[in-house]
Protein backbone atom coordinates (compact mmCIF):
# COMPACT_ATOMS: atom_id res chain seq x y z
CA MET A 1 -92.49 47.24 38.28
CA THR A 2 -89.59 49.02 40.00
CA ASP A 3 -87.09 47.10 37.88
CA HIS A 4 -88.61 48.56 34.72
CA THR A 5 -89.17 52.16 35.75
CA ASN A 6 -85.77 53.31 36.95
CA PRO A 7 -83.00 51.64 34.90
CA PRO A 8 -79.89 53.70 34.19
CA ILE A 9 -79.69 56.09 31.25
CA GLY A 10 -77.38 54.73 28.56
CA TRP A 11 -76.07 55.09 25.03
CA GLN A 12 -79.26 53.60 23.59
CA HIS A 13 -81.43 56.52 24.72
CA LYS A 14 -81.25 59.05 21.89
CA ALA A 15 -82.83 61.93 23.84
CA PHE A 16 -80.07 61.89 26.49
CA GLY A 17 -76.38 62.77 26.19
CA THR A 18 -73.41 60.75 27.37
CA ASP A 19 -72.94 63.10 30.34
CA LEU A 20 -76.12 61.58 31.82
CA ASN A 21 -75.09 57.94 31.35
CA GLY A 22 -75.59 55.89 34.48
CA LEU A 23 -78.05 58.31 36.04
CA ARG A 24 -81.63 57.28 36.66
CA SER A 25 -84.99 58.94 36.18
CA SER A 26 -85.15 59.71 39.89
CA ASP A 27 -81.88 61.67 39.62
CA LEU A 28 -83.00 64.06 36.89
CA GLU A 29 -85.20 66.60 38.65
CA ALA A 30 -82.47 67.60 41.09
CA LEU A 31 -80.13 68.46 38.21
CA GLY A 32 -82.34 71.31 37.01
CA ILE A 33 -81.48 70.72 33.36
CA SER A 34 -83.50 72.00 30.39
CA ALA A 35 -84.86 69.77 27.66
CA LEU A 36 -84.41 72.53 25.08
CA ASP A 37 -81.52 74.81 25.98
CA GLY A 38 -78.51 72.66 25.27
CA ASP A 39 -78.61 70.03 28.01
CA LEU A 40 -80.20 67.32 25.84
CA PRO A 41 -79.39 66.43 22.22
CA LEU A 42 -81.96 67.24 19.55
CA PRO A 43 -84.39 66.15 18.31
CA VAL A 44 -86.24 65.44 21.51
CA MET A 45 -89.75 64.39 22.46
CA THR A 46 -91.07 65.92 25.68
CA LEU A 47 -93.98 65.00 27.93
CA ASN A 48 -95.55 67.62 30.16
CA ARG A 49 -95.99 65.96 33.55
CA GLU A 50 -98.75 68.32 34.71
CA ALA A 51 -100.82 67.69 31.56
CA ILE A 52 -100.48 63.92 31.97
CA SER A 53 -101.59 64.10 35.59
CA HIS A 54 -104.54 66.28 34.61
CA ASN A 55 -105.63 63.84 31.90
CA VAL A 56 -105.27 60.74 34.10
CA ASP A 57 -107.31 62.35 36.88
CA LEU A 58 -109.93 63.63 34.45
CA MET A 59 -110.60 60.22 32.92
CA ALA A 60 -110.62 58.52 36.30
CA LYS A 61 -113.24 60.97 37.56
CA PHE A 62 -115.32 60.59 34.39
CA CYS A 63 -115.41 56.80 34.84
CA ALA A 64 -116.21 57.06 38.54
CA ASP A 65 -119.00 59.58 37.90
CA HIS A 66 -120.63 57.26 35.35
CA ASP A 67 -119.98 53.95 37.14
CA VAL A 68 -117.91 52.49 34.30
CA TYR A 69 -114.56 50.76 34.47
CA LEU A 70 -111.39 51.65 32.60
CA ALA A 71 -108.85 49.39 30.90
CA PRO A 72 -106.72 51.91 28.97
CA HIS A 73 -105.17 50.68 25.75
CA ALA A 74 -101.50 50.37 26.64
CA LYS A 75 -100.35 50.28 23.01
CA THR A 76 -100.42 54.09 23.14
CA THR A 77 -97.38 54.34 25.41
CA MET A 78 -96.20 50.86 26.45
CA SER A 79 -94.66 52.65 29.40
CA PRO A 80 -94.45 51.12 32.88
CA GLU A 81 -94.42 54.54 34.52
CA LEU A 82 -97.56 55.70 32.72
CA VAL A 83 -99.35 52.36 33.12
CA ARG A 84 -98.67 52.53 36.85
CA ARG A 85 -100.18 56.04 37.04
CA GLN A 86 -103.31 54.82 35.26
CA LEU A 87 -103.66 51.85 37.62
CA ASP A 88 -102.98 53.99 40.69
CA ALA A 89 -105.75 56.33 39.53
CA GLY A 90 -108.21 53.44 39.62
CA ALA A 91 -108.00 51.71 36.22
CA TRP A 92 -109.55 48.22 36.46
CA GLY A 93 -106.97 46.74 34.08
CA MET A 94 -105.16 47.42 30.82
CA THR A 95 -105.76 46.60 27.17
CA ALA A 96 -103.22 45.10 24.78
CA ALA A 97 -103.38 44.61 21.02
CA THR A 98 -101.25 41.46 20.91
CA VAL A 99 -99.95 38.67 23.08
CA ALA A 100 -96.51 40.29 22.85
CA GLN A 101 -97.92 43.45 24.44
CA ALA A 102 -99.80 41.41 27.04
CA ARG A 103 -96.55 39.71 28.03
CA ILE A 104 -94.91 43.10 28.53
CA LEU A 105 -97.85 44.36 30.59
CA ARG A 106 -97.59 41.30 32.82
CA GLU A 107 -93.93 42.15 33.37
CA PHE A 108 -95.10 45.63 34.36
CA GLY A 109 -97.22 44.00 37.08
CA VAL A 110 -100.62 44.20 35.39
CA ASP A 111 -102.91 41.34 36.44
CA THR A 112 -106.03 42.15 34.38
CA ILE A 113 -105.69 42.39 30.60
CA ILE A 114 -108.05 42.55 27.63
CA ILE A 115 -106.35 41.53 24.40
CA ALA A 116 -108.46 43.54 21.95
CA SER A 117 -107.80 41.25 19.02
CA GLN A 118 -108.06 37.59 18.19
CA VAL A 119 -105.32 35.18 19.26
CA LEU A 120 -105.24 32.40 16.68
CA ASP A 121 -101.65 31.16 16.74
CA PRO A 122 -100.26 28.25 18.78
CA ALA A 123 -97.59 30.28 20.58
CA GLY A 124 -100.09 32.93 21.63
CA ILE A 125 -102.59 30.36 22.87
CA ARG A 126 -99.80 28.57 24.73
CA TRP A 127 -98.77 31.73 26.54
CA ILE A 128 -102.32 32.42 27.72
CA CYS A 129 -102.75 28.84 28.92
CA ASP A 130 -99.36 28.75 30.64
CA VAL A 131 -99.77 32.05 32.46
CA GLN A 132 -103.24 31.10 33.68
CA GLN A 133 -101.90 27.81 35.04
CA THR A 134 -98.98 29.57 36.71
CA ASP A 135 -101.18 32.29 38.19
CA PRO A 136 -104.88 31.33 38.47
CA GLY A 137 -105.69 34.86 39.63
CA PHE A 138 -104.43 36.40 36.40
CA PHE A 139 -107.28 37.62 34.18
CA VAL A 140 -106.93 37.73 30.41
CA ALA A 141 -109.62 37.75 27.73
CA THR A 142 -109.32 37.78 23.96
CA LEU A 143 -111.74 38.03 21.02
CA VAL A 144 -113.64 35.85 18.56
CA ASP A 145 -115.71 37.08 15.61
CA SER A 146 -116.65 33.93 13.66
CA ILE A 147 -117.50 30.28 14.12
CA GLU A 148 -114.20 29.54 12.35
CA SER A 149 -112.21 31.43 14.98
CA VAL A 150 -114.10 29.63 17.75
CA GLN A 151 -113.29 26.28 16.18
CA LEU A 152 -109.65 27.19 15.59
CA MET A 153 -109.19 28.29 19.20
CA GLU A 154 -110.73 25.01 20.36
CA SER A 155 -108.32 23.08 18.17
CA LEU A 156 -105.28 25.04 19.32
CA ILE A 157 -106.15 24.73 23.01
CA ALA A 158 -106.65 20.98 22.58
CA LYS A 159 -103.14 20.71 21.12
CA VAL A 160 -101.19 22.92 23.52
CA SER A 161 -103.08 22.60 26.81
CA PRO A 162 -106.18 20.35 26.67
CA SER A 163 -107.33 21.11 30.21
CA SER A 164 -107.20 24.90 29.80
CA ARG A 165 -110.02 27.33 29.20
CA ILE A 166 -109.65 30.81 27.70
CA ARG A 167 -112.01 33.74 28.20
CA VAL A 168 -113.36 35.29 25.00
CA LEU A 169 -115.45 38.30 24.05
CA VAL A 170 -117.55 38.38 20.89
CA GLU A 171 -116.17 41.13 18.65
CA LEU A 172 -118.83 43.24 16.96
CA GLY A 173 -117.89 44.96 13.72
CA TYR A 174 -119.54 47.10 11.08
CA ASP A 175 -119.51 47.33 7.29
CA ASN A 176 -116.16 48.39 5.83
CA GLY A 177 -114.63 48.26 9.28
CA ARG A 178 -111.87 46.07 10.61
CA ALA A 179 -112.57 42.66 12.18
CA GLY A 180 -115.80 41.79 13.97
CA ALA A 181 -119.08 40.06 13.19
CA ARG A 182 -120.98 42.21 10.70
CA THR A 183 -124.59 41.34 11.56
CA LEU A 184 -126.59 40.55 14.66
CA ASP A 185 -127.31 37.03 13.41
CA GLN A 186 -123.61 36.37 12.76
CA ALA A 187 -122.67 37.64 16.21
CA LEU A 188 -125.31 35.47 17.87
CA ASP A 189 -124.05 32.42 15.99
CA VAL A 190 -120.57 33.13 17.32
CA ALA A 191 -121.79 33.66 20.89
CA ARG A 192 -123.83 30.47 20.88
CA ALA A 193 -120.96 28.47 19.43
CA ALA A 194 -118.47 29.84 21.98
CA SER A 195 -120.83 29.19 24.88
CA GLN A 196 -121.16 25.53 23.91
CA THR A 197 -117.44 24.76 23.86
CA GLN A 198 -115.49 23.14 26.69
CA SER A 199 -112.37 25.24 26.21
CA LEU A 200 -113.79 28.79 25.86
CA VAL A 201 -115.49 30.95 28.47
CA LEU A 202 -117.83 33.49 26.89
CA THR A 203 -117.12 36.53 29.07
CA GLY A 204 -118.75 39.39 27.20
CA VAL A 205 -118.91 41.68 24.19
CA GLU A 206 -116.29 43.90 22.56
CA GLY A 207 -116.24 46.52 19.84
CA PHE A 208 -114.25 49.52 18.66
CA GLU A 209 -116.11 52.55 17.39
CA GLY A 210 -113.10 54.83 16.94
CA MET A 211 -112.60 54.08 13.23
CA MET A 212 -116.25 54.48 12.26
CA PRO A 213 -116.27 56.06 8.79
CA GLY A 214 -118.13 59.25 7.98
CA ALA A 215 -117.88 62.49 6.07
CA SER A 216 -117.66 64.53 9.28
CA VAL A 217 -117.30 64.04 13.00
CA ALA A 218 -121.04 64.67 13.37
CA ALA A 219 -121.85 61.99 10.79
CA ARG A 220 -119.50 59.57 12.49
CA ARG A 221 -121.20 60.17 15.83
CA ILE A 222 -124.56 59.26 14.31
CA SER A 223 -123.10 56.01 12.98
CA VAL A 224 -121.46 55.25 16.33
CA ASP A 225 -124.82 55.70 18.06
CA SER A 226 -126.40 53.14 15.73
CA TYR A 227 -123.51 50.72 16.23
CA LEU A 228 -123.77 50.94 20.02
CA ARG A 229 -127.54 50.45 19.94
CA SER A 230 -127.02 47.23 18.01
CA ALA A 231 -124.51 46.17 20.67
CA ARG A 232 -127.19 46.75 23.30
CA VAL A 233 -129.62 44.47 21.47
CA PHE A 234 -126.97 41.79 21.03
CA THR A 235 -126.03 41.88 24.72
CA GLU A 236 -129.67 41.72 25.83
CA ILE A 237 -130.23 38.57 23.74
CA CYS A 238 -127.08 36.94 25.13
CA VAL A 239 -128.19 37.74 28.67
CA ALA A 240 -131.67 36.38 27.99
CA GLU A 241 -130.19 33.14 26.62
CA ASN A 242 -127.75 32.82 29.55
CA LEU A 243 -124.80 32.60 27.17
CA PHE A 244 -122.30 34.42 29.40
CA GLU A 245 -120.33 32.52 32.00
CA ASN A 246 -118.55 34.09 34.97
CA ASN A 247 -115.48 32.36 36.35
CA SER A 248 -113.42 35.25 37.70
CA THR A 249 -113.53 37.60 40.66
CA GLN A 250 -112.03 40.32 38.42
CA ALA A 251 -115.11 40.13 36.19
CA PRO A 252 -118.06 39.01 38.32
CA LEU A 253 -120.35 40.41 35.61
CA PRO A 254 -120.19 39.97 31.84
CA LEU A 255 -118.02 42.65 30.23
CA VAL A 256 -119.32 45.06 27.63
CA THR A 257 -116.27 46.92 26.40
CA PHE A 258 -116.05 49.72 23.87
CA GLY A 259 -114.59 53.17 23.88
CA GLY A 260 -111.64 54.57 22.05
CA SER A 261 -110.40 58.07 22.79
CA ALA A 262 -112.83 59.86 20.47
CA PHE A 263 -116.38 58.68 21.26
CA HIS A 264 -116.27 57.38 24.82
CA ASP A 265 -119.02 59.84 25.78
CA LEU A 266 -121.40 58.01 23.42
CA VAL A 267 -120.42 54.65 24.91
CA VAL A 268 -121.33 55.92 28.36
CA ARG A 269 -124.56 57.49 27.15
CA GLU A 270 -125.74 54.35 25.35
CA LEU A 271 -124.46 51.61 27.65
CA ALA A 272 -123.77 52.83 31.17
CA GLY A 273 -126.16 53.46 34.02
CA ARG A 274 -129.63 51.94 34.11
CA TRP A 275 -129.15 49.76 31.03
CA ALA A 276 -125.94 48.16 32.38
CA THR A 277 -127.49 47.62 35.80
CA GLY A 278 -130.67 46.17 34.33
CA ASN A 279 -128.77 43.66 32.25
CA GLY A 280 -126.21 42.78 34.90
CA VAL A 281 -123.16 43.80 32.86
CA ARG A 282 -119.97 45.74 33.56
CA VAL A 283 -119.13 48.48 31.05
CA VAL A 284 -115.40 48.88 30.42
CA LEU A 285 -113.87 51.73 28.43
CA ARG A 286 -110.57 51.10 26.65
CA SER A 287 -109.52 54.68 25.85
CA GLY A 288 -105.75 54.93 25.52
CA CYS A 289 -104.71 58.20 23.87
CA TYR A 290 -106.42 60.37 26.48
CA ILE A 291 -103.31 60.17 28.66
CA THR A 292 -101.37 62.53 26.39
CA HIS A 293 -104.14 63.70 24.04
CA ASP A 294 -102.72 65.40 20.90
CA HIS A 295 -102.84 68.39 18.55
CA GLY A 296 -104.43 66.51 15.65
CA LEU A 297 -106.70 63.48 15.42
CA TYR A 298 -108.02 63.54 18.99
CA ALA A 299 -108.01 67.30 19.29
CA ASP A 300 -110.47 67.25 16.36
CA THR A 301 -112.68 64.39 17.57
CA SER A 302 -112.59 64.47 21.37
CA PRO A 303 -116.00 65.09 22.95
CA TRP A 304 -114.14 67.18 25.53
CA ALA A 305 -112.80 69.77 23.11
CA ASP A 306 -114.27 72.56 25.22
CA GLY A 307 -115.53 72.95 28.73
CA PRO A 308 -114.45 71.78 32.18
CA ARG A 309 -113.38 68.33 30.96
CA THR A 310 -110.90 69.54 28.36
CA LEU A 311 -107.91 67.25 27.93
CA ARG A 312 -104.45 68.77 27.59
CA ALA A 313 -101.95 67.85 24.90
CA ALA A 314 -98.86 66.62 26.75
CA ALA A 315 -96.50 65.53 23.97
CA GLU A 316 -94.29 67.69 21.77
CA VAL A 317 -91.38 66.93 19.45
CA TRP A 318 -88.65 69.55 19.04
CA GLY A 319 -86.02 69.94 16.35
CA VAL A 320 -83.49 72.51 15.23
CA VAL A 321 -83.76 74.45 11.98
CA LEU A 322 -80.89 73.04 9.94
CA SER A 323 -81.24 74.94 6.68
CA LEU A 324 -83.12 77.70 4.88
CA PRO A 325 -82.38 76.46 1.37
CA GLU A 326 -84.83 78.70 -0.49
CA PRO A 327 -87.49 81.32 0.24
CA GLY A 328 -90.49 79.90 2.05
CA ARG A 329 -88.77 76.69 3.11
CA ALA A 330 -86.97 75.52 6.27
CA ILE A 331 -85.51 72.08 6.88
CA LEU A 332 -86.08 70.88 10.43
CA GLY A 333 -84.01 68.26 12.19
CA PHE A 334 -86.54 65.54 12.88
CA GLY A 335 -88.37 63.09 10.66
CA ARG A 336 -90.26 59.82 10.45
CA ARG A 337 -87.77 58.19 12.80
CA ASP A 338 -88.87 60.63 15.48
CA VAL A 339 -92.55 61.37 14.91
CA GLY A 340 -95.58 59.55 13.51
CA SER A 341 -97.44 60.89 10.50
CA ASP A 342 -100.12 58.24 9.93
CA ALA A 343 -102.84 60.66 11.09
CA GLY A 344 -101.36 63.87 9.73
CA PHE A 345 -98.08 65.74 9.89
CA PRO A 346 -96.99 67.38 13.14
CA THR A 347 -98.44 70.80 13.91
CA VAL A 348 -95.88 73.56 14.42
CA LEU A 349 -96.58 75.28 17.74
CA TRP A 350 -93.52 77.23 18.78
CA ARG A 351 -90.36 78.89 17.57
CA ARG A 352 -87.77 79.01 20.33
CA ARG A 353 -84.81 81.40 20.29
CA ASP A 354 -82.60 82.51 23.17
CA GLY A 355 -84.64 80.42 25.62
CA SER A 356 -87.96 82.05 24.76
CA ASN A 357 -90.96 80.62 22.87
CA GLN A 358 -92.99 82.49 20.26
CA SER A 359 -96.18 81.12 18.73
CA ALA A 360 -95.45 79.71 15.28
CA ARG A 361 -98.77 78.29 14.19
CA GLU A 362 -98.46 80.12 10.86
CA LEU A 363 -95.82 77.55 9.90
CA SER A 364 -96.71 74.10 8.60
CA ILE A 365 -94.96 70.84 7.84
CA SER A 366 -95.68 69.54 4.35
CA ALA A 367 -93.37 66.51 4.09
CA LEU A 368 -91.18 64.20 6.17
CA ASN A 369 -88.08 62.22 5.30
CA ASP A 370 -86.53 59.72 7.69
CA GLN A 371 -84.64 62.42 9.61
CA HIS A 372 -85.90 65.73 8.19
CA ALA A 373 -89.09 67.76 8.03
CA TYR A 374 -90.01 70.27 5.31
CA VAL A 375 -91.48 73.40 6.89
CA ASP A 376 -93.43 75.92 4.81
CA LEU A 377 -92.76 79.51 5.91
CA PRO A 378 -94.93 82.55 5.28
CA GLY A 379 -92.85 85.40 3.90
CA ASN A 380 -93.07 87.62 6.94
CA PHE A 381 -92.22 85.02 9.63
CA ASP A 382 -88.72 85.30 11.10
CA VAL A 383 -86.98 81.90 11.19
CA ARG A 384 -83.21 81.49 11.40
CA VAL A 385 -80.83 78.57 11.19
CA GLY A 386 -80.39 77.33 14.76
CA ASP A 387 -83.90 78.20 15.92
CA LEU A 388 -85.89 75.41 17.54
CA LEU A 389 -89.38 74.49 16.39
CA GLY A 390 -91.70 72.67 18.77
CA CYS A 391 -94.46 70.60 17.24
CA GLY A 392 -97.59 68.91 18.44
CA ILE A 393 -98.38 65.42 17.20
CA SER A 394 -101.42 63.57 15.90
CA HIS A 395 -102.26 60.04 17.10
CA PRO A 396 -99.63 59.64 19.83
CA CYS A 397 -99.38 55.85 19.44
CA THR A 398 -97.07 56.14 16.43
CA THR A 399 -94.75 58.68 18.04
CA PHE A 400 -94.20 56.96 21.37
CA ASP A 401 -92.72 53.93 19.62
CA LYS A 402 -89.91 56.10 18.24
CA TRP A 403 -88.51 56.83 21.71
CA SER A 404 -87.25 54.35 24.30
CA LEU A 405 -86.74 57.02 26.97
CA ILE A 406 -88.65 60.31 26.99
CA PRO A 407 -87.93 63.26 29.27
CA GLU A 408 -90.82 64.54 31.37
CA VAL A 409 -90.82 68.29 31.76
CA ASP A 410 -92.54 71.03 33.68
CA ALA A 411 -94.07 74.17 32.17
CA ARG A 412 -90.60 75.70 31.69
CA TYR A 413 -89.30 72.54 29.96
CA ARG A 414 -87.16 71.73 32.97
CA VAL A 415 -86.57 67.95 33.09
CA VAL A 416 -88.36 66.47 36.11
CA GLY A 417 -88.17 62.78 35.22
CA SER A 418 -88.36 60.33 32.35
CA VAL A 419 -90.69 57.73 30.87
CA HIS A 420 -89.52 54.42 29.41
CA THR A 421 -91.29 52.60 26.59
CA PHE A 422 -91.12 48.94 25.59
CA PHE A 423 -92.21 48.31 22.00
């Protein structure tokens, strides 16, 4: 992993100026430079190192306290530095969304990966088979949700590597959701079919409750509870029918894996503890966004919004006020190329002038272009051309992929390191 975490800063890193070319992340803290006061070009995304450490430690303690395992979804950051911190804090493995991401994680040094999607293409199947043959200790599991996907995987394995076997988890879905078997009977048909093949190893059960629809967070939590209870019933039947097969020291028990970053408390309440022990299963959470949290989607849905387990938002994006073209409107120098907006526009947090921050939560962003943001100003709020506005983000996954190198900062926005991403 060392090769990936400390390469030199170069022209391709938009958050760093040419005066830093050739330096490495390990060189930055000693320079004492500021992310916001003229040492780095704008716009810039910053990550608060203390908040990240707090969040990593908090989730690790939560999992240890409840005897569950953690395989954080790496698609959030795709960062070797942050993945290493999660593993060093005790994460059992990592989660990927695609074979491409799994390949990158393997380059990071990860040896236990859940691919939380189906792999139904020849090249993807070939990679799994090849890497398992090269490294028998490498653990990777993917998903199936229909008899058709079971049969297609069998056919593809027979073509690309007839002697190989691939671990699979039955994906449980829900009405109007994404993929996944919709009923208990459908899921059992899939599990029984997978368990009878020569080329698949039925290793457990998977689901994702984070996109459960509902008119409110409370309504969504009720639906998630019902979904997880159905997963319990499904797992109990599979255990009773001896459908699961163990062939790995990394997973000596069947895996039952759920848990996004919004409802992991319900996963633990419904599945961990006595039920998991009684059924001989290992519960694995796949929460990913907890590492940076946010000021939007997860701030609104996190079960740890208040109290001793509160997560801290670590990511901000800063831009300079470029224009005040008309009353009530400022044009800010960042846009869709710099920040995600799939789960809401950024939240304005700060106005910075002369090296000092003032709360600016009265301001709001109402539109984004590729490189510009439209900021609505109340009449009595003092904003000038040249001011900086610092914004919180919603759903960090779609902001990280805009930055190949991100400065880490302390509480005073002094640069103390950097984080690479590989998307």
